[in-house]
Amino acid sequence: MKVMLQKDVKDLGKVGDLVNVSPGYARNFLFPRKLALLATEGKVKEWTHLQKLSEVKMKKAHADREKLVSEISGKTVSFKMQASEEDKLFGSITPLEISKELSKIGFEVDKKDIVLEEPIKMLGQYKAEIKLGDSLKGEIAVVVEKI
């Protein structure tokens, strides 16, 4: 019996695979646990159509991320903060603050995508890396000045 897997099944296949199994295995194990569907012609066509749509969406999202990385690379984000006489900040600058500043200048970047070696606690110039997955990386400058 041909079935289409809806979830990964150990020693059988991955999601979307068409596999031949015995009718008893399908009826007693796969179907009750919603691990597979009977592979009718309509369901197979629907599945391939959904896969193609998913691929198109993924390619578009990847292109959007590439565009964002190319636009944001080399930008500078400035902060004016209170600091002690030894140039130590009262507080720190974290990826969340950098994300908020980037959104003010028109770039929506999640705080999880901004990588700092450690939170910024001193006045000066620093580099922050923007990682948008799939080896897409950009670098921005972070300038911290005293008020």
Protein backbone atom coordinates (compact mmCIF):
# COMPACT_ATOMS: atom_id res chain seq x y z
CA MET A 1 0.00 0.00 0.00
CA LYS A 2 1.39 3.43 -0.92
CA VAL A 3 1.26 6.06 1.80
CA MET A 4 2.49 9.64 2.06
CA LEU A 5 4.27 10.42 5.34
CA GLN A 6 3.05 13.45 7.31
CA LYS A 7 5.79 13.20 9.94
CA ASP A 8 9.26 11.67 10.09
CA VAL A 9 9.05 7.96 10.89
CA LYS A 10 12.17 6.17 12.07
CA ASP A 11 13.44 3.52 9.62
CA LEU A 12 10.74 4.47 7.10
CA GLY A 13 11.20 7.99 5.77
CA LYS A 14 10.81 11.72 6.17
CA VAL A 15 7.88 14.09 5.78
CA GLY A 16 6.43 14.01 2.27
CA ASP A 17 8.05 10.74 1.24
CA LEU A 18 5.94 8.24 -0.67
CA VAL A 19 6.59 4.77 0.72
CA ASN A 20 5.22 1.27 0.25
CA VAL A 21 4.08 -0.39 3.47
CA SER A 22 1.92 -3.36 4.32
CA PRO A 23 -1.79 -2.58 4.69
CA GLY A 24 -1.80 -3.74 8.31
CA TYR A 25 1.10 -1.45 9.29
CA ALA A 26 -0.61 1.50 7.66
CA ARG A 27 -4.06 0.74 9.10
CA ASN A 28 -2.93 -0.17 12.64
CA PHE A 29 0.09 2.10 13.22
CA LEU A 30 0.52 4.94 10.72
CA PHE A 31 -3.07 6.09 10.19
CA PRO A 32 -4.23 6.14 13.86
CA ARG A 33 -1.15 8.15 14.89
CA LYS A 34 -1.64 10.53 11.94
CA LEU A 35 1.86 9.72 10.69
CA ALA A 36 0.73 9.02 7.12
CA LEU A 37 -2.10 9.42 4.63
CA LEU A 38 -3.22 7.11 1.87
CA ALA A 39 -1.34 8.29 -1.22
CA THR A 40 -4.16 9.16 -3.59
CA GLU A 41 -3.39 11.01 -6.79
CA GLY A 42 -5.07 14.21 -5.54
CA LYS A 43 -3.18 14.29 -2.26
CA VAL A 44 0.15 13.71 -3.98
CA LYS A 45 -0.53 16.59 -6.40
CA GLU A 46 -1.61 18.83 -3.53
CA TRP A 47 1.56 17.95 -1.59
CA THR A 48 3.86 18.71 -4.53
CA HIS A 49 2.03 22.00 -5.12
CA LEU A 50 2.49 22.99 -1.46
CA GLN A 51 6.18 22.07 -1.64
CA LYS A 52 6.66 24.30 -4.70
CA LEU A 53 4.91 27.20 -2.95
CA SER A 54 7.09 26.69 0.10
CA GLU A 55 10.26 26.74 -2.03
CA VAL A 56 9.18 29.99 -3.71
CA LYS A 57 8.48 31.62 -0.33
CA MET A 58 11.84 30.45 1.03
CA LYS A 59 13.70 31.86 -1.99
CA LYS A 60 11.91 35.19 -1.66
CA ALA A 61 12.66 35.38 2.08
CA HIS A 62 16.32 34.56 1.40
CA ALA A 63 16.50 37.30 -1.24
CA ASP A 64 14.93 39.78 1.19
CA ARG A 65 17.49 38.88 3.87
CA GLU A 66 20.34 39.25 1.37
CA LYS A 67 19.05 42.69 0.42
CA LEU A 68 18.77 43.72 4.09
CA VAL A 69 22.32 42.57 4.83
CA SER A 70 23.73 44.44 1.85
CA GLU A 71 21.87 47.64 2.82
CA ILE A 72 22.72 47.50 6.52
CA SER A 73 26.42 46.63 6.18
CA GLY A 74 28.59 49.62 6.99
CA LYS A 75 25.84 51.63 8.72
CA THR A 76 26.60 53.39 11.98
CA VAL A 77 24.35 53.46 15.03
CA SER A 78 25.03 56.21 17.58
CA PHE A 79 24.15 56.34 21.25
CA LYS A 80 24.50 59.27 23.65
CA MET A 81 24.65 58.00 27.20
CA GLN A 82 25.66 59.17 30.63
CA ALA A 83 29.09 57.98 31.67
CA SER A 84 31.45 58.30 34.60
CA GLU A 85 34.72 60.19 34.46
CA GLU A 86 36.52 56.93 33.58
CA ASP A 87 34.28 56.65 30.46
CA LYS A 88 32.27 53.80 31.98
CA LEU A 89 28.57 53.85 31.08
CA PHE A 90 25.79 53.97 33.62
CA GLY A 91 24.10 50.89 32.19
CA SER A 92 25.03 49.03 29.05
CA ILE A 93 24.13 48.72 25.38
CA THR A 94 22.74 45.33 24.42
CA PRO A 95 21.45 43.89 21.15
CA LEU A 96 17.94 45.01 22.14
CA GLU A 97 18.96 48.70 22.18
CA ILE A 98 20.84 48.30 18.90
CA SER A 99 17.74 46.68 17.37
CA LYS A 100 15.58 49.60 18.52
CA GLU A 101 18.02 52.14 17.02
CA LEU A 102 18.13 50.22 13.74
CA SER A 103 14.32 50.26 13.56
CA LYS A 104 14.42 54.05 13.97
CA ILE A 105 16.51 54.33 10.81
CA GLY A 106 14.33 51.88 8.90
CA PHE A 107 15.91 48.45 9.37
CA GLU A 108 13.88 45.80 11.19
CA VAL A 109 16.40 43.40 12.73
CA ASP A 110 15.53 41.07 15.58
CA LYS A 111 17.70 41.34 18.69
CA LYS A 112 18.57 37.64 18.34
CA ASP A 113 20.24 38.37 15.00
CA ILE A 114 22.62 40.96 16.47
CA VAL A 115 25.84 39.52 17.86
CA LEU A 116 28.04 41.38 20.31
CA GLU A 117 31.03 39.80 22.00
CA GLU A 118 29.73 41.27 25.26
CA PRO A 119 27.40 44.13 26.21
CA ILE A 120 28.95 47.55 25.61
CA LYS A 121 29.84 49.24 28.91
CA MET A 122 32.38 51.87 27.87
CA LEU A 123 32.41 54.90 25.59
CA GLY A 124 33.95 54.37 22.15
CA GLN A 125 33.43 52.66 18.81
CA TYR A 126 32.45 49.00 18.51
CA LYS A 127 31.50 46.52 15.81
CA ALA A 128 28.31 44.47 15.92
CA GLU A 129 27.63 41.58 13.60
CA ILE A 130 24.24 40.99 12.00
CA LYS A 131 23.62 37.29 11.30
CA LEU A 132 20.51 36.48 9.32
CA GLY A 133 21.13 32.77 8.90
CA ASP A 134 22.33 30.84 5.85
CA SER A 135 25.77 32.43 6.23
CA LEU A 136 24.35 35.91 5.62
CA LYS A 137 26.43 38.27 7.73
CA GLY A 138 26.82 42.00 7.87
CA GLU A 139 28.68 44.35 10.17
CA ILE A 140 27.60 47.67 11.63
CA ALA A 141 29.46 50.25 13.69
CA VAL A 142 28.19 51.22 17.13
CA VAL A 143 29.37 54.59 18.43
CA VAL A 144 28.84 55.47 22.08
CA GLU A 145 29.32 59.10 23.10
CA LYS A 146 28.96 60.95 26.34
CA ILE A 147 26.03 63.31 26.82
